[in-house]
PDB file of N, CA and C in Angstrom:
ATOM      1  N   MET A   1     -32.105 -10.296  67.218  1.00  0.00           N
ATOM      2  CA  MET A   1     -33.297  -9.288  67.550  1.00  0.00           C
ATOM      3  C   MET A   1     -34.571 -10.098  67.423  1.00  0.00           C
ATOM      4  N   ILE A   2     -34.779 -10.904  66.608  1.00  0.00           N
ATOM      5  CA  ILE A   2     -35.945 -11.709  66.559  1.00  0.00           C
ATOM      6  C   ILE A   2     -36.097 -12.786  67.518  1.00  0.00           C
ATOM      7  N   ALA A   3     -34.979 -13.292  67.985  1.00  0.00           N
ATOM      8  CA  ALA A   3     -34.914 -14.249  68.998  1.00  0.00           C
ATOM      9  C   ALA A   3     -35.303 -13.646  70.326  1.00  0.00           C
ATOM     10  N   GLY A   4     -34.801 -12.434  70.655  1.00  0.00           N
ATOM     11  CA  GLY A   4     -35.233 -11.667  71.772  1.00  0.00           C
ATOM     12  C   GLY A   4     -36.683 -11.196  71.648  1.00  0.00           C
ATOM     13  N   ILE A   5     -37.447 -10.983  70.707  1.00  0.00           N
ATOM     14  CA  ILE A   5     -38.819 -10.713  70.535  1.00  0.00           C
ATOM     15  C   ILE A   5     -39.485 -11.953  70.853  1.00  0.00           C
ATOM     16  N   ARG A   6     -39.186 -13.076  70.136  1.00  0.00           N
ATOM     17  CA  ARG A   6     -39.767 -14.398  70.520  1.00  0.00           C
ATOM     18  C   ARG A   6     -39.646 -14.794  72.058  1.00  0.00           C
ATOM     19  N   ARG A   7     -38.509 -14.611  72.572  1.00  0.00           N
ATOM     20  CA  ARG A   7     -38.498 -14.834  74.099  1.00  0.00           C
ATOM     21  C   ARG A   7     -39.509 -14.091  74.698  1.00  0.00           C
ATOM     22  N   LEU A   8     -39.482 -12.578  74.352  1.00  0.00           N
ATOM     23  CA  LEU A   8     -40.475 -11.705  75.264  1.00  0.00           C
ATOM     24  C   LEU A   8     -41.972 -12.194  75.014  1.00  0.00           C
ATOM     25  N   ALA A   9     -42.279 -12.763  73.725  1.00  0.00           N
ATOM     26  CA  ALA A   9     -43.793 -13.280  73.406  1.00  0.00           C
ATOM     27  C   ALA A   9     -43.844 -14.517  73.849  1.00  0.00           C
ATOM     28  N   GLY A  10     -42.859 -15.153  74.492  1.00  0.00           N
ATOM     29  CA  GLY A  10     -43.123 -16.579  74.998  1.00  0.00           C
ATOM     30  C   GLY A  10     -42.992 -17.675  74.108  1.00  0.00           C
ATOM     31  N   ILE A  11     -42.320 -17.366  72.868  1.00  0.00           N
ATOM     32  CA  ILE A  11     -42.243 -18.326  71.720  1.00  0.00           C
ATOM     33  C   ILE A  11     -40.845 -18.760  71.814  1.00  0.00           C
ATOM     34  N   GLU A  12     -40.653 -20.177  71.743  1.00  0.00           N
ATOM     35  CA  GLU A  12     -39.387 -20.607  71.634  1.00  0.00           C
ATOM     36  C   GLU A  12     -38.727 -20.438  70.141  1.00  0.00           C
ATOM     37  N   PRO A  13     -37.404 -20.062  70.102  1.00  0.00           N
ATOM     38  CA  PRO A  13     -36.776 -20.036  68.819  1.00  0.00           C
ATOM     39  C   PRO A  13     -36.843 -21.213  67.956  1.00  0.00           C
ATOM     40  N   ALA A  14     -37.037 -21.277  66.719  1.00  0.00           N
ATOM     41  CA  ALA A  14     -37.151 -22.178  65.834  1.00  0.00           C
ATOM     42  C   ALA A  14     -35.876 -23.160  65.702  1.00  0.00           C
ATOM     43  N   GLY A  15     -34.817 -22.655  65.993  1.00  0.00           N
ATOM     44  CA  GLY A  15     -33.546 -23.300  65.839  1.00  0.00           C
ATOM     45  C   GLY A  15     -32.535 -22.507  66.293  1.00  0.00           C
ATOM     46  N   PRO A  16     -31.325 -22.875  66.221  1.00  0.00           N
ATOM     47  CA  PRO A  16     -30.131 -22.263  66.748  1.00  0.00           C
ATOM     48  C   PRO A  16     -29.998 -20.977  65.988  1.00  0.00           C
ATOM     49  N   THR A  17     -29.732 -19.792  66.731  1.00  0.00           N
ATOM     50  CA  THR A  17     -29.464 -18.649  66.120  1.00  0.00           C
ATOM     51  C   THR A  17     -28.109 -18.269  65.714  1.00  0.00           C
ATOM     52  N   ARG A  18     -27.931 -17.708  64.645  1.00  0.00           N
ATOM     53  CA  ARG A  18     -26.545 -17.554  64.101  1.00  0.00           C
ATOM     54  C   ARG A  18     -25.940 -16.118  64.359  1.00  0.00           C
ATOM     55  N   PRO A  19     -24.693 -16.063  64.467  1.00  0.00           N
ATOM     56  CA  PRO A  19     -24.198 -14.722  64.796  1.00  0.00           C
ATOM     57  C   PRO A  19     -24.345 -13.707  63.494  1.00  0.00           C
ATOM     58  N   PRO A  20     -24.348 -12.388  63.746  1.00  0.00           N
ATOM     59  CA  PRO A  20     -24.557 -11.743  62.524  1.00  0.00           C
ATOM     60  C   PRO A  20     -23.245 -11.555  61.644  1.00  0.00           C
ATOM     61  N   VAL A  21     -23.352 -11.603  60.223  1.00  0.00           N
ATOM     62  CA  VAL A  21     -22.314 -11.667  59.421  1.00  0.00           C
ATOM     63  C   VAL A  21     -21.433 -10.285  59.537  1.00  0.00           C
ATOM     64  N   ARG A  22     -20.267 -10.202  59.627  1.00  0.00           N
ATOM     65  CA  ARG A  22     -19.407  -9.034  59.826  1.00  0.00           C
ATOM     66  C   ARG A  22     -18.719  -8.937  58.518  1.00  0.00           C
ATOM     67  N   ARG A  23     -18.929  -7.812  57.977  1.00  0.00           N
ATOM     68  CA  ARG A  23     -18.143  -7.352  56.935  1.00  0.00           C
ATOM     69  C   ARG A  23     -17.149  -6.241  56.916  1.00  0.00           C
ATOM     70  N   SER A  24     -16.047  -6.290  56.229  1.00  0.00           N
ATOM     71  CA  SER A  24     -15.011  -5.372  56.401  1.00  0.00           C
ATOM     72  C   SER A  24     -15.516  -4.217  55.951  1.00  0.00           C
ATOM     73  N   ILE A  25     -14.996  -2.933  56.472  1.00  0.00           N
ATOM     74  CA  ILE A  25     -15.657  -1.496  56.208  1.00  0.00           C
ATOM     75  C   ILE A  25     -14.567  -0.964  55.091  1.00  0.00           C
ATOM     76  N   VAL A  26     -14.931  -0.782  53.910  1.00  0.00           N
ATOM     77  CA  VAL A  26     -14.263  -0.125  52.913  1.00  0.00           C
ATOM     78  C   VAL A  26     -14.383   1.515  53.113  1.00  0.00           C
ATOM     79  N   THR A  27     -13.109   1.977  53.463  1.00  0.00           N
ATOM     80  CA  THR A  27     -13.139   3.578  53.583  1.00  0.00           C
ATOM     81  C   THR A  27     -13.243   4.331  52.360  1.00  0.00           C
ATOM     82  N   ASP A  28     -13.380   5.484  52.501  1.00  0.00           N
ATOM     83  CA  ASP A  28     -13.648   6.216  51.219  1.00  0.00           C
ATOM     84  C   ASP A  28     -12.080   6.771  50.912  1.00  0.00           C
ATOM     85  N   PRO A  29     -11.692   6.519  49.622  1.00  0.00           N
ATOM     86  CA  PRO A  29     -10.490   6.997  49.127  1.00  0.00           C
ATOM     87  C   PRO A  29     -10.181   8.504  49.154  1.00  0.00           C
ATOM     88  N   SER A  30      -8.942   8.917  49.204  1.00  0.00           N
ATOM     89  CA  SER A  30      -8.853  10.327  49.152  1.00  0.00           C
ATOM     90  C   SER A  30      -8.865  10.863  47.653  1.00  0.00           C
ATOM     91  N   LEU A  31      -8.831  12.152  47.623  1.00  0.00           N
ATOM     92  CA  LEU A  31      -8.857  12.546  46.338  1.00  0.00           C
ATOM     93  C   LEU A  31      -7.507  12.169  45.286  1.00  0.00           C
ATOM     94  N   GLN A  32      -6.417  12.207  46.069  1.00  0.00           N
ATOM     95  CA  GLN A  32      -5.189  11.669  45.399  1.00  0.00           C
ATOM     96  C   GLN A  32      -5.342  10.147  44.953  1.00  0.00           C
ATOM     97  N   ASP A  33      -5.950   9.340  45.855  1.00  0.00           N
ATOM     98  CA  ASP A  33      -6.066   7.919  45.537  1.00  0.00           C
ATOM     99  C   ASP A  33      -6.920   7.762  44.174  1.00  0.00           C
ATOM    100  N   LEU A  34      -8.291   8.460  44.250  1.00  0.00           N
ATOM    101  CA  LEU A  34      -9.059   8.582  43.006  1.00  0.00           C
ATOM    102  C   LEU A  34      -8.466   9.148  41.880  1.00  0.00           C
ATOM    103  N   ALA A  35      -7.636  10.123  42.104  1.00  0.00           N
ATOM    104  CA  ALA A  35      -6.894  10.629  40.877  1.00  0.00           C
ATOM    105  C   ALA A  35      -6.020   9.581  40.254  1.00  0.00           C
ATOM    106  N   ALA A  36      -5.285   8.835  41.275  1.00  0.00           N
ATOM    107  CA  ALA A  36      -4.291   7.800  40.681  1.00  0.00           C
ATOM    108  C   ALA A  36      -4.994   6.749  39.834  1.00  0.00           C
ATOM    109  N   VAL A  37      -6.140   6.290  40.319  1.00  0.00           N
ATOM    110  CA  VAL A  37      -6.940   5.347  39.724  1.00  0.00           C
ATOM    111  C   VAL A  37      -7.533   5.826  38.449  1.00  0.00           C
ATOM    112  N   GLN A  38      -7.868   7.088  38.419  1.00  0.00           N
ATOM    113  CA  GLN A  38      -8.304   7.708  37.110  1.00  0.00           C
ATOM    114  C   GLN A  38      -7.284   7.888  36.080  1.00  0.00           C
ATOM    115  N   ALA A  39      -6.031   8.227  36.435  1.00  0.00           N
ATOM    116  CA  ALA A  39      -4.882   8.217  35.716  1.00  0.00           C
ATOM    117  C   ALA A  39      -4.413   6.973  35.148  1.00  0.00           C
ATOM    118  N   ALA A  40      -4.583   5.811  35.840  1.00  0.00           N
ATOM    119  CA  ALA A  40      -4.156   4.527  35.521  1.00  0.00           C
ATOM    120  C   ALA A  40      -5.235   4.018  34.418  1.00  0.00           C
ATOM    121  N   CYS A  41      -6.493   4.421  34.334  1.00  0.00           N
ATOM    122  CA  CYS A  41      -7.565   4.021  33.600  1.00  0.00           C
ATOM    123  C   CYS A  41      -7.883   5.169  32.430  1.00  0.00           C
ATOM    124  N   ARG A  42      -6.961   5.436  31.748  1.00  0.00           N
ATOM    125  CA  ARG A  42      -7.279   6.294  30.755  1.00  0.00           C
ATOM    126  C   ARG A  42      -8.218   5.855  29.685  1.00  0.00           C
ATOM    127  N   GLY A  43      -9.120   6.641  29.257  1.00  0.00           N
ATOM    128  CA  GLY A  43     -10.186   5.943  28.358  1.00  0.00           C
ATOM    129  C   GLY A  43     -11.420   5.678  29.205  1.00  0.00           C
ATOM    130  N   TRP A  44     -11.408   5.984  30.493  1.00  0.00           N
ATOM    131  CA  TRP A  44     -12.349   5.580  31.382  1.00  0.00           C
ATOM    132  C   TRP A  44     -12.726   6.713  32.171  1.00  0.00           C
ATOM    133  N   ALA A  45     -14.081   6.801  32.676  1.00  0.00           N
ATOM    134  CA  ALA A  45     -14.393   7.799  33.538  1.00  0.00           C
ATOM    135  C   ALA A  45     -14.574   6.955  34.887  1.00  0.00           C
ATOM    136  N   VAL A  46     -13.635   7.220  35.863  1.00  0.00           N
ATOM    137  CA  VAL A  46     -13.722   6.691  37.060  1.00  0.00           C
ATOM    138  C   VAL A  46     -14.399   7.537  38.359  1.00  0.00           C
ATOM    139  N   MET A  47     -15.202   6.901  39.243  1.00  0.00           N
ATOM    140  CA  MET A  47     -15.832   7.574  40.189  1.00  0.00           C
ATOM    141  C   MET A  47     -15.719   6.491  41.440  1.00  0.00           C
ATOM    142  N   TRP A  48     -15.775   7.132  42.707  1.00  0.00           N
ATOM    143  CA  TRP A  48     -16.099   6.263  43.707  1.00  0.00           C
ATOM    144  C   TRP A  48     -17.527   6.448  44.237  1.00  0.00           C
ATOM    145  N   SER A  49     -18.260   5.293  44.535  1.00  0.00           N
ATOM    146  CA  SER A  49     -19.528   5.110  44.709  1.00  0.00           C
ATOM    147  C   SER A  49     -19.723   4.888  46.243  1.00  0.00           C
ATOM    148  N   ARG A  50     -20.107   5.849  46.949  1.00  0.00           N
ATOM    149  CA  ARG A  50     -20.079   5.724  48.379  1.00  0.00           C
ATOM    150  C   ARG A  50     -21.350   4.840  48.785  1.00  0.00           C
ATOM    151  N   TRP A  51     -22.373   4.764  47.893  1.00  0.00           N
ATOM    152  CA  TRP A  51     -23.424   3.598  48.246  1.00  0.00           C
ATOM    153  C   TRP A  51     -22.846   2.281  48.065  1.00  0.00           C
ATOM    154  N   ARG A  52     -22.142   2.132  46.993  1.00  0.00           N
ATOM    155  CA  ARG A  52     -21.887   0.797  46.977  1.00  0.00           C
ATOM    156  C   ARG A  52     -20.424   0.451  47.427  1.00  0.00           C
ATOM    157  N   ARG A  53     -19.844   1.330  47.955  1.00  0.00           N
ATOM    158  CA  ARG A  53     -18.565   1.337  48.560  1.00  0.00           C
ATOM    159  C   ARG A  53     -17.413   0.726  47.513  1.00  0.00           C
ATOM    160  N   ALA A  54     -17.585   1.160  46.275  1.00  0.00           N
ATOM    161  CA  ALA A  54     -16.779   0.617  45.333  1.00  0.00           C
ATOM    162  C   ALA A  54     -16.334   1.674  44.292  1.00  0.00           C
ATOM    163  N   TYR A  55     -15.224   1.333  43.566  1.00  0.00           N
ATOM    164  CA  TYR A  55     -14.911   2.246  42.303  1.00  0.00           C
ATOM    165  C   TYR A  55     -15.921   1.675  41.250  1.00  0.00           C
ATOM    166  N   THR A  56     -16.321   2.825  40.547  1.00  0.00           N
ATOM    167  CA  THR A  56     -17.203   2.420  39.363  1.00  0.00           C
ATOM    168  C   THR A  56     -16.346   3.126  38.069  1.00  0.00           C
ATOM    169  N   ALA A  57     -16.277   2.286  36.906  1.00  0.00           N
ATOM    170  CA  ALA A  57     -15.545   2.929  35.898  1.00  0.00           C
ATOM    171  C   ALA A  57     -16.592   2.859  34.665  1.00  0.00           C
ATOM    172  N   PHE A  58     -16.684   3.906  33.716  1.00  0.00           N
ATOM    173  CA  PHE A  58     -17.429   3.725  32.784  1.00  0.00           C
ATOM    174  C   PHE A  58     -16.477   4.074  31.436  1.00  0.00           C
ATOM    175  N   ALA A  59     -16.601   3.099  30.535  1.00  0.00           N
ATOM    176  CA  ALA A  59     -15.830   2.869  29.469  1.00  0.00           C
ATOM    177  C   ALA A  59     -16.253   4.162  28.376  1.00  0.00           C
ATOM    178  N   ALA A  60     -15.013   4.652  27.924  1.00  0.00           N
ATOM    179  CA  ALA A  60     -15.130   5.685  26.897  1.00  0.00           C
ATOM    180  C   ALA A  60     -14.262   5.195  25.641  1.00  0.00           C
ATOM    181  N   CYS A  61     -13.859   4.015  25.682  1.00  0.00           N
ATOM    182  CA  CYS A  61     -12.878   3.468  24.635  1.00  0.00           C
ATOM    183  C   CYS A  61     -13.415   2.232  24.017  1.00  0.00           C
ATOM    184  N   THR A  62     -14.668   1.985  24.151  1.00  0.00           N
ATOM    185  CA  THR A  62     -15.415   0.729  23.823  1.00  0.00           C
ATOM    186  C   THR A  62     -16.626   1.240  22.777  1.00  0.00           C
ATOM    187  N   THR A  63     -16.943   0.320  21.852  1.00  0.00           N
ATOM    188  CA  THR A  63     -18.092   0.704  21.006  1.00  0.00           C
ATOM    189  C   THR A  63     -19.382   0.839  21.807  1.00  0.00           C
ATOM    190  N   GLY A  64     -19.550  -0.126  22.702  1.00  0.00           N
ATOM    191  CA  GLY A  64     -20.761  -0.252  23.594  1.00  0.00           C
ATOM    192  C   GLY A  64     -20.608   0.263  24.917  1.00  0.00           C
ATOM    193  N   PRO A  65     -21.733   0.519  25.473  1.00  0.00           N
ATOM    194  CA  PRO A  65     -21.484   0.748  27.059  1.00  0.00           C
ATOM    195  C   PRO A  65     -21.098  -0.326  28.095  1.00  0.00           C
ATOM    196  N   VAL A  66     -19.952   0.034  28.571  1.00  0.00           N
ATOM    197  CA  VAL A  66     -19.375  -1.024  29.762  1.00  0.00           C
ATOM    198  C   VAL A  66     -19.046  -0.153  31.014  1.00  0.00           C
ATOM    199  N   ILE A  67     -19.702  -0.936  31.991  1.00  0.00           N
ATOM    200  CA  ILE A  67     -19.454  -0.531  33.566  1.00  0.00           C
ATOM    201  C   ILE A  67     -18.872  -1.472  34.136  1.00  0.00           C
ATOM    202  N   VAL A  68     -17.794  -1.151  34.920  1.00  0.00           N
ATOM    203  CA  VAL A  68     -16.894  -2.091  35.813  1.00  0.00           C
ATOM    204  C   VAL A  68     -17.055  -1.449  37.154  1.00  0.00           C
ATOM    205  N   ASP A  69     -17.408  -2.271  38.207  1.00  0.00           N
ATOM    206  CA  ASP A  69     -17.493  -2.036  39.521  1.00  0.00           C
ATOM    207  C   ASP A  69     -16.428  -2.946  40.256  1.00  0.00           C
ATOM    208  N   ASP A  70     -15.717  -2.146  41.373  1.00  0.00           N
ATOM    209  CA  ASP A  70     -14.840  -3.133  42.113  1.00  0.00           C
ATOM    210  C   ASP A  70     -14.205  -2.274  43.356  1.00  0.00           C
ATOM    211  N   PRO A  71     -14.408  -2.807  44.463  1.00  0.00           N
ATOM    212  CA  PRO A  71     -13.815  -2.092  45.655  1.00  0.00           C
ATOM    213  C   PRO A  71     -12.276  -1.989  45.932  1.00  0.00           C
ATOM    214  N   ASP A  72     -11.600  -2.985  45.086  1.00  0.00           N
ATOM    215  CA  ASP A  72     -10.184  -2.932  45.043  1.00  0.00           C
ATOM    216  C   ASP A  72      -9.855  -2.104  43.816  1.00  0.00           C
ATOM    217  N   PRO A  73      -8.985  -0.991  44.066  1.00  0.00           N
ATOM    218  CA  PRO A  73      -8.454  -0.322  42.855  1.00  0.00           C
ATOM    219  C   PRO A  73      -7.634  -0.911  41.999  1.00  0.00           C
ATOM    220  N   MET A  74      -6.657  -1.823  42.428  1.00  0.00           N
ATOM    221  CA  MET A  74      -5.888  -2.653  41.684  1.00  0.00           C
ATOM    222  C   MET A  74      -6.621  -3.601  40.758  1.00  0.00           C
ATOM    223  N   ARG A  75      -7.628  -4.272  41.271  1.00  0.00           N
ATOM    224  CA  ARG A  75      -8.503  -5.236  40.344  1.00  0.00           C
ATOM    225  C   ARG A  75      -9.217  -4.412  39.332  1.00  0.00           C
ATOM    226  N   LEU A  76      -9.652  -3.066  39.696  1.00  0.00           N
ATOM    227  CA  LEU A  76     -10.456  -2.279  38.672  1.00  0.00           C
ATOM    228  C   LEU A  76      -9.478  -1.968  37.579  1.00  0.00           C
ATOM    229  N   VAL A  77      -8.336  -1.558  37.901  1.00  0.00           N
ATOM    230  CA  VAL A  77      -7.482  -1.234  36.583  1.00  0.00           C
ATOM    231  C   VAL A  77      -7.050  -2.457  35.999  1.00  0.00           C
ATOM    232  N   GLN A  78      -6.931  -3.661  36.471  1.00  0.00           N
ATOM    233  CA  GLN A  78      -6.623  -4.961  35.826  1.00  0.00           C
ATOM    234  C   GLN A  78      -7.899  -5.207  34.863  1.00  0.00           C
ATOM    235  N   ARG A  79      -8.931  -5.160  35.514  1.00  0.00           N
ATOM    236  CA  ARG A  79     -10.209  -5.431  34.661  1.00  0.00           C
ATOM    237  C   ARG A  79     -10.343  -4.438  33.527  1.00  0.00           C
ATOM    238  N   CYS A  80     -10.166  -3.170  33.788  1.00  0.00           N
ATOM    239  CA  CYS A  80     -10.196  -2.034  32.810  1.00  0.00           C
ATOM    240  C   CYS A  80      -9.313  -2.544  31.655  1.00  0.00           C
ATOM    241  N   ARG A  81      -7.960  -2.711  31.996  1.00  0.00           N
ATOM    242  CA  ARG A  81      -6.987  -3.142  30.977  1.00  0.00           C
ATOM    243  C   ARG A  81      -7.340  -4.310  30.065  1.00  0.00           C
ATOM    244  N   ALA A  82      -8.096  -5.276  30.842  1.00  0.00           N
ATOM    245  CA  ALA A  82      -8.388  -6.491  30.164  1.00  0.00           C
ATOM    246  C   ALA A  82      -9.467  -6.210  29.100  1.00  0.00           C
ATOM    247  N   ILE A  83     -10.443  -5.369  29.652  1.00  0.00           N
ATOM    248  CA  ILE A  83     -11.461  -4.970  28.551  1.00  0.00           C
ATOM    249  C   ILE A  83     -11.049  -4.249  27.488  1.00  0.00           C
ATOM    250  N   GLU A  84      -9.999  -3.255  27.638  1.00  0.00           N
ATOM    251  CA  GLU A  84      -9.400  -2.530  26.668  1.00  0.00           C
ATOM    252  C   GLU A  84      -8.742  -3.522  25.748  1.00  0.00           C
ATOM    253  N   ALA A  85      -8.099  -4.403  26.153  1.00  0.00           N
ATOM    254  CA  ALA A  85      -7.228  -5.316  25.246  1.00  0.00           C
ATOM    255  C   ALA A  85      -8.128  -6.218  24.468  1.00  0.00           C
ATOM    256  N   ALA A  86      -9.297  -6.575  24.990  1.00  0.00           N
ATOM    257  CA  ALA A  86     -10.295  -7.476  24.293  1.00  0.00           C
ATOM    258  C   ALA A  86     -11.040  -6.585  23.258  1.00  0.00           C
ATOM    259  N   ALA A  87     -11.125  -5.323  23.447  1.00  0.00           N
ATOM    260  CA  ALA A  87     -11.861  -4.449  22.453  1.00  0.00           C
ATOM    261  C   ALA A  87     -11.011  -4.073  21.092  1.00  0.00           C
ATOM    262  N   THR A  88      -9.710  -4.164  21.315  1.00  0.00           N
ATOM    263  CA  THR A  88      -8.753  -3.773  20.336  1.00  0.00           C
ATOM    264  C   THR A  88      -8.469  -5.147  19.547  1.00  0.00           C
TER     265      THR A  88
END
């Protein structure tokens, strides 16, 4: 877009332009998927963050506040279990 504006203004681009970064789109989980993650993470309050496109888990099983974010539900469960194991 900037390169197009520079061309219209008669200014040459400063260097080669790079293609835009393409990111994979993470779809919203179903209610059943979210319930399964919540059931696997007992002692945690799990929610889906539409803005961050990731699961967010709030610890209720630790002495201090712990928040874990991850778009992959399996990694979130693993991270929650590792934190629980370290807390005991």
